[in-house]
Amino acid sequence: MANKYRFYGHLMTVILKLLKMTIKVYLYKSKDYVEGGTYIYVFWHQYLYGPSVSIDKIRVEKIATLASPSNDGEIISTVLKNFGYKVVRGSSNDKNVGSLLSLIKLLKKGYSIGTPVDGPKGPIFEVKPGLVYLAQKTGIPIVPIGLAYSNYWSFEKAWDKFKLPKPFSKIAGTLLEPIYIPSEMNIVEACIMVKNQIDLANLKAEKIL
């Protein structure tokens, strides 16, 4: 069964790479963002396509991410591996101890983490505490990523209302200044802060277009 979903993942990779060849990417980076640093990149699941295929523009050498252990996750996991990600199966919920421990080990090896913080199943635009907790405990800063597409398909029936850029469209991406989560900060307050910063990053991306 897993082989079937991996095949779907490889097929989707070909389609997405062909689409990527037609798209122009514009990227804005905060002056406080240092290339080559270790970060936890966060964004909304709705814009999963943008960071997944544009990681070369961010110039991150070692990047890991989370993918759901479901069948859909097998497809996404295969796609992400084909785009150069190291994939940990799990979710960004703070109760998923196994996946968080795996991410900590990768951070110690110099990997950055990049994953949507409202995935894998939502609710939409609600920050799950797992990666925020990870940033707080490790001292690794969070970098909010904002995205905007000039022309796209919107999948309104999907929980995240997923957006896929149309061929020959433009993608704007913004990397805001890194956020450090103080050890004494309440995790709920930290999640709200991260949500506000992702929303701000998206607004800045829209202005680029």
Foldseek 3Di string as FASTA:
>chain_A
DLVVLLVLLVVVLVVLVVLVVQEAEAEAEDPQDDQLAAAAEEAWPLAVSVCLQCVVVSPFDAEEEEFEPDSNSSSVCSNSVVNPYHYDYDAQAQVGVVSLVVVLVVVVVSYHYYYYQQDDQGQGLQGHLRVVVSLQVPVHWYKAKAKDKPAWQFDVVGNHSHTDHDGNIYMYMYTYRTDHDHNPDDSNVSRVVSSVVNVVRNVVRVVVD
